Amino acid sequence: MNEDPSIWTVFGAFLLKVLKSHFFIGLIGALVSLRGVPGSTWRIRYLNSIAGMLISGFWTPALAEYFVLDSDATIAALAFALGLFGLNLVDASRERAVELIRNTKLSDFIPGKKGE
């Protein structure tokens, strides 16, 4: 006799898988890091959190393999740290890019300016 699993068993397994994912753990790290990003708007904080989550989700498996990490707890700590610091890295990069764009004069790149 083939018994189908109940919807709650399937949902519980799915929820457990989401909670253990590198993306979710990185999102928690990014949300914790929001406290240290003063003066940002909520839109920028939201985008930085998503960026911290993505950095954590994609870089955790690569770094865990590079450093030969086998323990689930160590890999989860790495995902949290990448989310925590990935948010700050993205925020600093965004601020630098905005500053660079504001200070760049497009007329310097146009050939044949008057006066030459």
PDB file of N, CA and C in Angstrom:
ATOM      1  N   MET A   1       0.836  -1.170   0.000  1.00  0.00           N
ATOM      2  CA  MET A   1       0.000   0.000   0.000  1.00  0.00           C
ATOM      3  C   MET A   1       0.887   1.241   0.000  1.00  0.00           C
ATOM      4  N   ASN A   2       0.634   2.136  -0.902  1.00  0.00           N
ATOM      5  CA  ASN A   2       1.448   3.330  -1.061  1.00  0.00           C
ATOM      6  C   ASN A   2       0.766   4.507  -0.382  1.00  0.00           C
ATOM      7  N   GLU A   3       1.391   5.028   0.660  1.00  0.00           N
ATOM      8  CA  GLU A   3       0.802   6.157   1.384  1.00  0.00           C
ATOM      9  C   GLU A   3       1.430   7.454   0.907  1.00  0.00           C
ATOM     10  N   ASP A   4       0.591   8.434   0.607  1.00  0.00           N
ATOM     11  CA  ASP A   4       1.076   9.748   0.246  1.00  0.00           C
ATOM     12  C   ASP A   4       1.403  10.522   1.517  1.00  0.00           C
ATOM     13  N   PRO A   5       2.510  11.278   1.499  1.00  0.00           N
ATOM     14  CA  PRO A   5       2.810  12.086   2.686  1.00  0.00           C
ATOM     15  C   PRO A   5       1.796  13.220   2.810  1.00  0.00           C
ATOM     16  N   SER A   6       1.519  13.597   4.033  1.00  0.00           N
ATOM     17  CA  SER A   6       0.560  14.677   4.246  1.00  0.00           C
ATOM     18  C   SER A   6       1.157  15.997   3.779  1.00  0.00           C
ATOM     19  N   ILE A   7       0.296  16.963   3.548  1.00  0.00           N
ATOM     20  CA  ILE A   7       0.744  18.278   3.080  1.00  0.00           C
ATOM     21  C   ILE A   7       1.639  18.943   4.116  1.00  0.00           C
ATOM     22  N   TRP A   8       1.400  18.670   5.402  1.00  0.00           N
ATOM     23  CA  TRP A   8       2.198  19.287   6.460  1.00  0.00           C
ATOM     24  C   TRP A   8       3.594  18.698   6.507  1.00  0.00           C
ATOM     25  N   THR A   9       3.723  17.427   6.184  1.00  0.00           N
ATOM     26  CA  THR A   9       5.050  16.821   6.134  1.00  0.00           C
ATOM     27  C   THR A   9       5.864  17.408   4.991  1.00  0.00           C
ATOM     28  N   VAL A  10       5.229  17.572   3.844  1.00  0.00           N
ATOM     29  CA  VAL A  10       5.906  18.151   2.687  1.00  0.00           C
ATOM     30  C   VAL A  10       6.262  19.611   2.961  1.00  0.00           C
ATOM     31  N   PHE A  11       5.315  20.363   3.538  1.00  0.00           N
ATOM     32  CA  PHE A  11       5.568  21.769   3.855  1.00  0.00           C
ATOM     33  C   PHE A  11       6.679  21.904   4.893  1.00  0.00           C
ATOM     34  N   GLY A  12       6.684  21.041   5.897  1.00  0.00           N
ATOM     35  CA  GLY A  12       7.723  21.074   6.926  1.00  0.00           C
ATOM     36  C   GLY A  12       9.094  20.786   6.345  1.00  0.00           C
ATOM     37  N   ALA A  13       9.176  19.828   5.430  1.00  0.00           N
ATOM     38  CA  ALA A  13      10.451  19.509   4.789  1.00  0.00           C
ATOM     39  C   ALA A  13      10.931  20.678   3.927  1.00  0.00           C
ATOM     40  N   PHE A  14       9.991  21.310   3.215  1.00  0.00           N
ATOM     41  CA  PHE A  14      10.339  22.465   2.388  1.00  0.00           C
ATOM     42  C   PHE A  14      10.818  23.621   3.261  1.00  0.00           C
ATOM     43  N   LEU A  15      10.111  23.894   4.349  1.00  0.00           N
ATOM     44  CA  LEU A  15      10.480  24.980   5.248  1.00  0.00           C
ATOM     45  C   LEU A  15      11.853  24.741   5.868  1.00  0.00           C
ATOM     46  N   LEU A  16      12.128  23.513   6.251  1.00  0.00           N
ATOM     47  CA  LEU A  16      13.435  23.179   6.817  1.00  0.00           C
ATOM     48  C   LEU A  16      14.549  23.382   5.783  1.00  0.00           C
ATOM     49  N   LYS A  17      14.261  23.024   4.543  1.00  0.00           N
ATOM     50  CA  LYS A  17      15.251  23.208   3.486  1.00  0.00           C
ATOM     51  C   LYS A  17      15.524  24.695   3.241  1.00  0.00           C
ATOM     52  N   VAL A  18      14.476  25.514   3.281  1.00  0.00           N
ATOM     53  CA  VAL A  18      14.642  26.964   3.096  1.00  0.00           C
ATOM     54  C   VAL A  18      15.440  27.558   4.248  1.00  0.00           C
ATOM     55  N   LEU A  19      15.124  27.167   5.469  1.00  0.00           N
ATOM     56  CA  LEU A  19      15.812  27.718   6.636  1.00  0.00           C
ATOM     57  C   LEU A  19      17.288  27.337   6.686  1.00  0.00           C
ATOM     58  N   LYS A  20      17.645  26.223   6.068  1.00  0.00           N
ATOM     59  CA  LYS A  20      19.050  25.798   6.057  1.00  0.00           C
ATOM     60  C   LYS A  20      19.808  26.291   4.828  1.00  0.00           C
ATOM     61  N   SER A  21      19.117  26.983   3.912  1.00  0.00           N
ATOM     62  CA  SER A  21      19.790  27.405   2.681  1.00  0.00           C
ATOM     63  C   SER A  21      20.759  28.548   2.961  1.00  0.00           C
ATOM     64  N   HIS A  22      21.789  28.644   2.115  1.00  0.00           N
ATOM     65  CA  HIS A  22      22.787  29.697   2.254  1.00  0.00           C
ATOM     66  C   HIS A  22      22.165  31.070   2.007  1.00  0.00           C
ATOM     67  N   PHE A  23      21.175  31.111   1.130  1.00  0.00           N
ATOM     68  CA  PHE A  23      20.527  32.386   0.820  1.00  0.00           C
ATOM     69  C   PHE A  23      19.800  32.949   2.038  1.00  0.00           C
ATOM     70  N   PHE A  24      19.044  32.109   2.741  1.00  0.00           N
ATOM     71  CA  PHE A  24      18.288  32.570   3.906  1.00  0.00           C
ATOM     72  C   PHE A  24      19.224  32.974   5.039  1.00  0.00           C
ATOM     73  N   ILE A  25      20.243  32.172   5.283  1.00  0.00           N
ATOM     74  CA  ILE A  25      21.199  32.491   6.351  1.00  0.00           C
ATOM     75  C   ILE A  25      21.942  33.784   6.023  1.00  0.00           C
ATOM     76  N   GLY A  26      22.286  33.977   4.748  1.00  0.00           N
ATOM     77  CA  GLY A  26      22.925  35.227   4.328  1.00  0.00           C
ATOM     78  C   GLY A  26      21.995  36.417   4.478  1.00  0.00           C
ATOM     79  N   LEU A  27      20.695  36.213   4.217  1.00  0.00           N
ATOM     80  CA  LEU A  27      19.720  37.286   4.400  1.00  0.00           C
ATOM     81  C   LEU A  27      19.640  37.688   5.867  1.00  0.00           C
ATOM     82  N   ILE A  28      19.687  36.734   6.762  1.00  0.00           N
ATOM     83  CA  ILE A  28      19.686  37.043   8.199  1.00  0.00           C
ATOM     84  C   ILE A  28      20.929  37.857   8.555  1.00  0.00           C
ATOM     85  N   GLY A  29      22.090  37.468   8.032  1.00  0.00           N
ATOM     86  CA  GLY A  29      23.318  38.228   8.271  1.00  0.00           C
ATOM     87  C   GLY A  29      23.220  39.642   7.719  1.00  0.00           C
ATOM     88  N   ALA A  30      22.628  39.792   6.534  1.00  0.00           N
ATOM     89  CA  ALA A  30      22.474  41.117   5.942  1.00  0.00           C
ATOM     90  C   ALA A  30      21.511  41.976   6.756  1.00  0.00           C
ATOM     91  N   LEU A  31      20.454  41.377   7.271  1.00  0.00           N
ATOM     92  CA  LEU A  31      19.498  42.131   8.089  1.00  0.00           C
ATOM     93  C   LEU A  31      20.127  42.576   9.398  1.00  0.00           C
ATOM     94  N   VAL A  32      20.978  41.737   9.980  1.00  0.00           N
ATOM     95  CA  VAL A  32      21.695  42.128  11.190  1.00  0.00           C
ATOM     96  C   VAL A  32      22.635  43.290  10.885  1.00  0.00           C
ATOM     97  N   SER A  33      23.252  43.261   9.720  1.00  0.00           N
ATOM     98  CA  SER A  33      24.202  44.298   9.330  1.00  0.00           C
ATOM     99  C   SER A  33      23.540  45.631   9.017  1.00  0.00           C
ATOM    100  N   LEU A  34      22.239  45.644   8.802  1.00  0.00           N
ATOM    101  CA  LEU A  34      21.537  46.897   8.496  1.00  0.00           C
ATOM    102  C   LEU A  34      21.674  47.925   9.616  1.00  0.00           C
ATOM    103  N   ARG A  35      21.887  47.471  10.811  1.00  0.00           N
ATOM    104  CA  ARG A  35      22.026  48.385  11.946  1.00  0.00           C
ATOM    105  C   ARG A  35      23.236  49.305  11.773  1.00  0.00           C
ATOM    106  N   GLY A  36      24.250  48.832  11.079  1.00  0.00           N
ATOM    107  CA  GLY A  36      25.471  49.606  10.908  1.00  0.00           C
ATOM    108  C   GLY A  36      25.520  50.428   9.639  1.00  0.00           C
ATOM    109  N   VAL A  37      24.409  50.564   8.931  1.00  0.00           N
ATOM    110  CA  VAL A  37      24.372  51.348   7.696  1.00  0.00           C
ATOM    111  C   VAL A  37      23.520  52.585   7.960  1.00  0.00           C
ATOM    112  N   PRO A  38      24.107  53.617   8.569  1.00  0.00           N
ATOM    113  CA  PRO A  38      23.304  54.795   8.902  1.00  0.00           C
ATOM    114  C   PRO A  38      23.039  55.668   7.679  1.00  0.00           C
ATOM    115  N   GLY A  39      21.914  56.351   7.707  1.00  0.00           N
ATOM    116  CA  GLY A  39      21.612  57.347   6.695  1.00  0.00           C
ATOM    117  C   GLY A  39      21.085  56.818   5.382  1.00  0.00           C
ATOM    118  N   SER A  40      21.028  55.531   5.193  1.00  0.00           N
ATOM    119  CA  SER A  40      20.518  54.993   3.948  1.00  0.00           C
ATOM    120  C   SER A  40      18.996  55.009   3.947  1.00  0.00           C
ATOM    121  N   THR A  41      18.416  55.128   2.774  1.00  0.00           N
ATOM    122  CA  THR A  41      16.961  55.056   2.665  1.00  0.00           C
ATOM    123  C   THR A  41      16.534  53.598   2.766  1.00  0.00           C
ATOM    124  N   TRP A  42      15.259  53.380   2.968  1.00  0.00           N
ATOM    125  CA  TRP A  42      14.760  52.011   3.088  1.00  0.00           C
ATOM    126  C   TRP A  42      14.896  51.265   1.771  1.00  0.00           C
ATOM    127  N   ARG A  43      14.786  51.965   0.660  1.00  0.00           N
ATOM    128  CA  ARG A  43      14.947  51.320  -0.646  1.00  0.00           C
ATOM    129  C   ARG A  43      16.373  50.807  -0.802  1.00  0.00           C
ATOM    130  N   ILE A  44      17.346  51.620  -0.431  1.00  0.00           N
ATOM    131  CA  ILE A  44      18.748  51.211  -0.532  1.00  0.00           C
ATOM    132  C   ILE A  44      19.039  50.072   0.443  1.00  0.00           C
ATOM    133  N   ARG A  45      18.492  50.141   1.628  1.00  0.00           N
ATOM    134  CA  ARG A  45      18.688  49.059   2.603  1.00  0.00           C
ATOM    135  C   ARG A  45      18.110  47.745   2.088  1.00  0.00           C
ATOM    136  N   TYR A  46      16.939  47.828   1.462  1.00  0.00           N
ATOM    137  CA  TYR A  46      16.306  46.633   0.903  1.00  0.00           C
ATOM    138  C   TYR A  46      17.191  46.026  -0.193  1.00  0.00           C
ATOM    139  N   LEU A  47      17.667  46.860  -1.111  1.00  0.00           N
ATOM    140  CA  LEU A  47      18.513  46.369  -2.202  1.00  0.00           C
ATOM    141  C   LEU A  47      19.843  45.824  -1.684  1.00  0.00           C
ATOM    142  N   ASN A  48      20.423  46.472  -0.667  1.00  0.00           N
ATOM    143  CA  ASN A  48      21.671  45.972  -0.080  1.00  0.00           C
ATOM    144  C   ASN A  48      21.461  44.626   0.604  1.00  0.00           C
ATOM    145  N   SER A  49      20.326  44.454   1.254  1.00  0.00           N
ATOM    146  CA  SER A  49      20.023  43.171   1.905  1.00  0.00           C
ATOM    147  C   SER A  49      19.905  42.058   0.880  1.00  0.00           C
ATOM    148  N   ILE A  50      19.227  42.356  -0.225  1.00  0.00           N
ATOM    149  CA  ILE A  50      19.108  41.355  -1.287  1.00  0.00           C
ATOM    150  C   ILE A  50      20.481  41.030  -1.872  1.00  0.00           C
ATOM    151  N   ALA A  51      21.310  42.055  -2.048  1.00  0.00           N
ATOM    152  CA  ALA A  51      22.659  41.830  -2.569  1.00  0.00           C
ATOM    153  C   ALA A  51      23.500  41.008  -1.594  1.00  0.00           C
ATOM    154  N   GLY A  52      23.391  41.285  -0.292  1.00  0.00           N
ATOM    155  CA  GLY A  52      24.101  40.491   0.708  1.00  0.00           C
ATOM    156  C   GLY A  52      23.645  39.039   0.694  1.00  0.00           C
ATOM    157  N   MET A  53      22.334  38.838   0.501  1.00  0.00           N
ATOM    158  CA  MET A  53      21.790  37.484   0.424  1.00  0.00           C
ATOM    159  C   MET A  53      22.346  36.764  -0.810  1.00  0.00           C
ATOM    160  N   LEU A  54      22.391  37.448  -1.945  1.00  0.00           N
ATOM    161  CA  LEU A  54      22.887  36.823  -3.166  1.00  0.00           C
ATOM    162  C   LEU A  54      24.381  36.511  -3.086  1.00  0.00           C
ATOM    163  N   ILE A  55      25.152  37.426  -2.505  1.00  0.00           N
ATOM    164  CA  ILE A  55      26.583  37.158  -2.323  1.00  0.00           C
ATOM    165  C   ILE A  55      26.776  35.933  -1.449  1.00  0.00           C
ATOM    166  N   SER A  56      26.026  35.865  -0.375  1.00  0.00           N
ATOM    167  CA  SER A  56      26.136  34.722   0.521  1.00  0.00           C
ATOM    168  C   SER A  56      25.716  33.426  -0.165  1.00  0.00           C
ATOM    169  N   GLY A  57      24.609  33.470  -0.874  1.00  0.00           N
ATOM    170  CA  GLY A  57      24.098  32.261  -1.512  1.00  0.00           C
ATOM    171  C   GLY A  57      25.016  31.698  -2.576  1.00  0.00           C
ATOM    172  N   PHE A  58      25.651  32.572  -3.343  1.00  0.00           N
ATOM    173  CA  PHE A  58      26.488  32.089  -4.429  1.00  0.00           C
ATOM    174  C   PHE A  58      27.940  31.856  -4.029  1.00  0.00           C
ATOM    175  N   TRP A  59      28.449  32.601  -3.062  1.00  0.00           N
ATOM    176  CA  TRP A  59      29.855  32.464  -2.682  1.00  0.00           C
ATOM    177  C   TRP A  59      30.097  31.429  -1.584  1.00  0.00           C
ATOM    178  N   THR A  60      29.093  31.123  -0.777  1.00  0.00           N
ATOM    179  CA  THR A  60      29.293  30.165   0.319  1.00  0.00           C
ATOM    180  C   THR A  60      29.730  28.786  -0.178  1.00  0.00           C
ATOM    181  N   PRO A  61      29.050  28.183  -1.157  1.00  0.00           N
ATOM    182  CA  PRO A  61      29.517  26.855  -1.603  1.00  0.00           C
ATOM    183  C   PRO A  61      30.940  26.882  -2.169  1.00  0.00           C
ATOM    184  N   ALA A  62      31.277  27.937  -2.899  1.00  0.00           N
ATOM    185  CA  ALA A  62      32.620  28.019  -3.482  1.00  0.00           C
ATOM    186  C   ALA A  62      33.681  28.158  -2.399  1.00  0.00           C
ATOM    187  N   LEU A  63      33.445  29.038  -1.433  1.00  0.00           N
ATOM    188  CA  LEU A  63      34.432  29.221  -0.360  1.00  0.00           C
ATOM    189  C   LEU A  63      34.494  28.011   0.562  1.00  0.00           C
ATOM    190  N   ALA A  64      33.356  27.358   0.795  1.00  0.00           N
ATOM    191  CA  ALA A  64      33.366  26.153   1.628  1.00  0.00           C
ATOM    192  C   ALA A  64      34.170  25.048   0.955  1.00  0.00           C
ATOM    193  N   GLU A  65      34.062  24.942  -0.351  1.00  0.00           N
ATOM    194  CA  GLU A  65      34.855  23.943  -1.073  1.00  0.00           C
ATOM    195  C   GLU A  65      36.330  24.327  -1.082  1.00  0.00           C
ATOM    196  N   TYR A  66      36.626  25.616  -1.263  1.00  0.00           N
ATOM    197  CA  TYR A  66      38.013  26.082  -1.303  1.00  0.00           C
ATOM    198  C   TYR A  66      38.717  25.843   0.036  1.00  0.00           C
ATOM    199  N   PHE A  67      38.023  26.129   1.146  1.00  0.00           N
ATOM    200  CA  PHE A  67      38.615  25.963   2.474  1.00  0.00           C
ATOM    201  C   PHE A  67      38.362  24.573   3.062  1.00  0.00           C
ATOM    202  N   VAL A  68      37.782  23.678   2.299  1.00  0.00           N
ATOM    203  CA  VAL A  68      37.491  22.297   2.674  1.00  0.00           C
ATOM    204  C   VAL A  68      36.719  22.250   3.996  1.00  0.00           C
ATOM    205  N   LEU A  69      35.592  22.930   4.024  1.00  0.00           N
ATOM    206  CA  LEU A  69      34.733  22.930   5.204  1.00  0.00           C
ATOM    207  C   LEU A  69      33.688  21.833   5.059  1.00  0.00           C
ATOM    208  N   ASP A  70      33.579  20.981   6.083  1.00  0.00           N
ATOM    209  CA  ASP A  70      32.647  19.863   6.013  1.00  0.00           C
ATOM    210  C   ASP A  70      31.470  20.009   6.967  1.00  0.00           C
ATOM    211  N   SER A  71      31.661  20.724   8.039  1.00  0.00           N
ATOM    212  CA  SER A  71      30.634  20.851   9.062  1.00  0.00           C
ATOM    213  C   SER A  71      29.508  21.779   8.596  1.00  0.00           C
ATOM    214  N   ASP A  72      28.267  21.361   8.797  1.00  0.00           N
ATOM    215  CA  ASP A  72      27.124  22.200   8.427  1.00  0.00           C
ATOM    216  C   ASP A  72      27.105  23.498   9.226  1.00  0.00           C
ATOM    217  N   ALA A  73      27.510  23.433  10.491  1.00  0.00           N
ATOM    218  CA  ALA A  73      27.511  24.633  11.328  1.00  0.00           C
ATOM    219  C   ALA A  73      28.560  25.637  10.840  1.00  0.00           C
ATOM    220  N   THR A  74      29.712  25.157  10.420  1.00  0.00           N
ATOM    221  CA  THR A  74      30.752  26.044   9.917  1.00  0.00           C
ATOM    222  C   THR A  74      30.334  26.688   8.599  1.00  0.00           C
ATOM    223  N   ILE A  75      29.694  25.922   7.741  1.00  0.00           N
ATOM    224  CA  ILE A  75      29.223  26.465   6.464  1.00  0.00           C
ATOM    225  C   ILE A  75      28.118  27.491   6.707  1.00  0.00           C
ATOM    226  N   ALA A  76      27.241  27.226   7.695  1.00  0.00           N
ATOM    227  CA  ALA A  76      26.197  28.197   8.028  1.00  0.00           C
ATOM    228  C   ALA A  76      26.802  29.484   8.581  1.00  0.00           C
ATOM    229  N   ALA A  77      27.856  29.371   9.391  1.00  0.00           N
ATOM    230  CA  ALA A  77      28.531  30.558   9.917  1.00  0.00           C
ATOM    231  C   ALA A  77      29.196  31.347   8.791  1.00  0.00           C
ATOM    232  N   LEU A  78      29.758  30.653   7.825  1.00  0.00           N
ATOM    233  CA  LEU A  78      30.353  31.311   6.664  1.00  0.00           C
ATOM    234  C   LEU A  78      29.282  32.054   5.858  1.00  0.00           C
ATOM    235  N   ALA A  79      28.121  31.433   5.679  1.00  0.00           N
ATOM    236  CA  ALA A  79      27.017  32.079   4.952  1.00  0.00           C
ATOM    237  C   ALA A  79      26.543  33.326   5.693  1.00  0.00           C
ATOM    238  N   PHE A  80      26.442  33.242   7.015  1.00  0.00           N
ATOM    239  CA  PHE A  80      26.034  34.396   7.821  1.00  0.00           C
ATOM    240  C   PHE A  80      27.048  35.533   7.680  1.00  0.00           C
ATOM    241  N   ALA A  81      28.335  35.193   7.774  1.00  0.00           N
ATOM    242  CA  ALA A  81      29.382  36.223   7.672  1.00  0.00           C
ATOM    243  C   ALA A  81      29.406  36.855   6.287  1.00  0.00           C
ATOM    244  N   LEU A  82      29.207  36.059   5.254  1.00  0.00           N
ATOM    245  CA  LEU A  82      29.176  36.623   3.901  1.00  0.00           C
ATOM    246  C   LEU A  82      27.978  37.540   3.714  1.00  0.00           C
ATOM    247  N   GLY A  83      26.845  37.201   4.292  1.00  0.00           N
ATOM    248  CA  GLY A  83      25.684  38.094   4.230  1.00  0.00           C
ATOM    249  C   GLY A  83      25.935  39.370   5.009  1.00  0.00           C
ATOM    250  N   LEU A  84      26.586  39.224   6.155  1.00  0.00           N
ATOM    251  CA  LEU A  84      26.881  40.362   7.021  1.00  0.00           C
ATOM    252  C   LEU A  84      27.836  41.345   6.340  1.00  0.00           C
ATOM    253  N   PHE A  85      28.930  40.835   5.807  1.00  0.00           N
ATOM    254  CA  PHE A  85      29.931  41.707   5.204  1.00  0.00           C
ATOM    255  C   PHE A  85      29.649  41.992   3.735  1.00  0.00           C
ATOM    256  N   GLY A  86      28.906  41.118   3.078  1.00  0.00           N
ATOM    257  CA  GLY A  86      28.546  41.355   1.682  1.00  0.00           C
ATOM    258  C   GLY A  86      27.676  42.581   1.530  1.00  0.00           C
ATOM    259  N   LEU A  87      26.783  42.804   2.486  1.00  0.00           N
ATOM    260  CA  LEU A  87      25.938  43.989   2.459  1.00  0.00           C
ATOM    261  C   LEU A  87      26.793  45.241   2.537  1.00  0.00           C
ATOM    262  N   ASN A  88      27.755  45.267   3.429  1.00  0.00           N
ATOM    263  CA  ASN A  88      28.633  46.438   3.566  1.00  0.00           C
ATOM    264  C   ASN A  88      29.500  46.636   2.329  1.00  0.00           C
ATOM    265  N   LEU A  89      29.949  45.550   1.724  1.00  0.00           N
ATOM    266  CA  LEU A  89      30.744  45.646   0.501  1.00  0.00           C
ATOM    267  C   LEU A  89      29.916  46.259  -0.628  1.00  0.00           C
ATOM    268  N   VAL A  90      28.693  45.809  -0.770  1.00  0.00           N
ATOM    269  CA  VAL A  90      27.823  46.343  -1.819  1.00  0.00           C
ATOM    270  C   VAL A  90      27.491  47.807  -1.548  1.00  0.00           C
ATOM    271  N   ASP A  91      27.241  48.151  -0.298  1.00  0.00           N
ATOM    272  CA  ASP A  91      26.914  49.534   0.035  1.00  0.00           C
ATOM    273  C   ASP A  91      28.097  50.462  -0.252  1.00  0.00           C
ATOM    274  N   ALA A  92      29.299  50.043   0.110  1.00  0.00           N
ATOM    275  CA  ALA A  92      30.488  50.860  -0.151  1.00  0.00           C
ATOM    276  C   ALA A  92      30.742  50.984  -1.654  1.00  0.00           C
ATOM    277  N   SER A  93      30.541  49.908  -2.390  1.00  0.00           N
ATOM    278  CA  SER A  93      30.728  49.945  -3.843  1.00  0.00           C
ATOM    279  C   SER A  93      29.707  50.858  -4.496  1.00  0.00           C
ATOM    280  N   ARG A  94      28.466  50.814  -4.029  1.00  0.00           N
ATOM    281  CA  ARG A  94      27.414  51.664  -4.579  1.00  0.00           C
ATOM    282  C   ARG A  94      27.718  53.131  -4.324  1.00  0.00           C
ATOM    283  N   GLU A  95      28.148  53.455  -3.097  1.00  0.00           N
ATOM    284  CA  GLU A  95      28.473  54.844  -2.776  1.00  0.00           C
ATOM    285  C   GLU A  95      29.640  55.343  -3.618  1.00  0.00           C
ATOM    286  N   ARG A  96      30.647  54.515  -3.826  1.00  0.00           N
ATOM    287  CA  ARG A  96      31.802  54.899  -4.643  1.00  0.00           C
ATOM    288  C   ARG A  96      31.394  55.120  -6.095  1.00  0.00           C
ATOM    289  N   ALA A  97      30.527  54.254  -6.612  1.00  0.00           N
ATOM    290  CA  ALA A  97      30.074  54.397  -8.000  1.00  0.00           C
ATOM    291  C   ALA A  97      29.260  55.677  -8.183  1.00  0.00           C
ATOM    292  N   VAL A  98      28.403  55.987  -7.227  1.00  0.00           N
ATOM    293  CA  VAL A  98      27.608  57.222  -7.312  1.00  0.00           C
ATOM    294  C   VAL A  98      28.528  58.437  -7.263  1.00  0.00           C
ATOM    295  N   GLU A  99      29.524  58.413  -6.398  1.00  0.00           N
ATOM    296  CA  GLU A  99      30.484  59.521  -6.301  1.00  0.00           C
ATOM    297  C   GLU A  99      31.274  59.676  -7.600  1.00  0.00           C
ATOM    298  N   LEU A 100      31.685  58.564  -8.178  1.00  0.00           N
ATOM    299  CA  LEU A 100      32.441  58.601  -9.423  1.00  0.00           C
ATOM    300  C   LEU A 100      31.589  59.163 -10.567  1.00  0.00           C
ATOM    301  N   ILE A 101      30.333  58.765 -10.632  1.00  0.00           N
ATOM    302  CA  ILE A 101      29.439  59.251 -11.685  1.00  0.00           C
ATOM    303  C   ILE A 101      29.177  60.742 -11.531  1.00  0.00           C
ATOM    304  N   ARG A 102      28.987  61.184 -10.308  1.00  0.00           N
ATOM    305  CA  ARG A 102      28.717  62.603 -10.074  1.00  0.00           C
ATOM    306  C   ARG A 102      29.922  63.486 -10.402  1.00  0.00           C
ATOM    307  N   ASN A 103      31.124  62.982 -10.200  1.00  0.00           N
ATOM    308  CA  ASN A 103      32.325  63.786 -10.407  1.00  0.00           C
ATOM    309  C   ASN A 103      32.915  63.665 -11.810  1.00  0.00           C
ATOM    310  N   THR A 104      32.325  62.852 -12.645  1.00  0.00           N
ATOM    311  CA  THR A 104      32.844  62.673 -13.995  1.00  0.00           C
ATOM    312  C   THR A 104      32.207  63.688 -14.933  1.00  0.00           C
ATOM    313  N   LYS A 105      33.056  64.369 -15.691  1.00  0.00           N
ATOM    314  CA  LYS A 105      32.565  65.308 -16.688  1.00  0.00           C
ATOM    315  C   LYS A 105      32.584  64.611 -18.044  1.00  0.00           C
ATOM    316  N   LEU A 106      31.435  64.499 -18.661  1.00  0.00           N
ATOM    317  CA  LEU A 106      31.364  63.834 -19.959  1.00  0.00           C
ATOM    318  C   LEU A 106      32.076  64.625 -21.043  1.00  0.00           C
ATOM    319  N   SER A 107      32.196  65.924 -20.861  1.00  0.00           N
ATOM    320  CA  SER A 107      32.871  66.738 -21.875  1.00  0.00           C
ATOM    321  C   SER A 107      34.362  66.390 -21.985  1.00  0.00           C
ATOM    322  N   ASP A 108      34.922  65.784 -20.950  1.00  0.00           N
ATOM    323  CA  ASP A 108      36.328  65.378 -21.017  1.00  0.00           C
ATOM    324  C   ASP A 108      36.540  64.211 -21.972  1.00  0.00           C
ATOM    325  N   PHE A 109      35.474  63.473 -22.266  1.00  0.00           N
ATOM    326  CA  PHE A 109      35.591  62.283 -23.111  1.00  0.00           C
ATOM    327  C   PHE A 109      35.162  62.543 -24.557  1.00  0.00           C
ATOM    328  N   ILE A 110      34.652  63.729 -24.852  1.00  0.00           N
ATOM    329  CA  ILE A 110      34.198  64.046 -26.198  1.00  0.00           C
ATOM    330  C   ILE A 110      35.385  64.602 -27.001  1.00  0.00           C
ATOM    331  N   PRO A 111      35.713  63.971 -28.119  1.00  0.00           N
ATOM    332  CA  PRO A 111      36.850  64.464 -28.912  1.00  0.00           C
ATOM    333  C   PRO A 111      36.476  65.747 -29.664  1.00  0.00           C
ATOM    334  N   GLY A 112      37.490  66.540 -29.951  1.00  0.00           N
ATOM    335  CA  GLY A 112      37.293  67.748 -30.732  1.00  0.00           C
ATOM    336  C   GLY A 112      36.611  68.854 -29.978  1.00  0.00           C
ATOM    337  N   LYS A 113      36.983  69.028 -28.708  1.00  0.00           N
ATOM    338  CA  LYS A 113      36.396  70.118 -27.923  1.00  0.00           C
ATOM    339  C   LYS A 113      36.858  71.455 -28.465  1.00  0.00           C
ATOM    340  N   LYS A 114      36.070  72.468 -28.209  1.00  0.00           N
ATOM    341  CA  LYS A 114      36.468  73.825 -28.585  1.00  0.00           C
ATOM    342  C   LYS A 114      37.654  74.235 -27.730  1.00  0.00           C
ATOM    343  N   GLY A 115      38.565  74.968 -28.298  1.00  0.00           N
ATOM    344  CA  GLY A 115      39.728  75.427 -27.546  1.00  0.00           C
ATOM    345  C   GLY A 115      40.950  74.603 -27.812  1.00  0.00           C
ATOM    346  N   GLU A 116      40.823  73.515 -28.534  1.00  0.00           N
ATOM    347  CA  GLU A 116      41.998  72.704 -28.866  1.00  0.00           C
ATOM    348  C   GLU A 116      42.482  73.016 -30.238  1.00  0.00           C
TER     349      GLU A 116
END
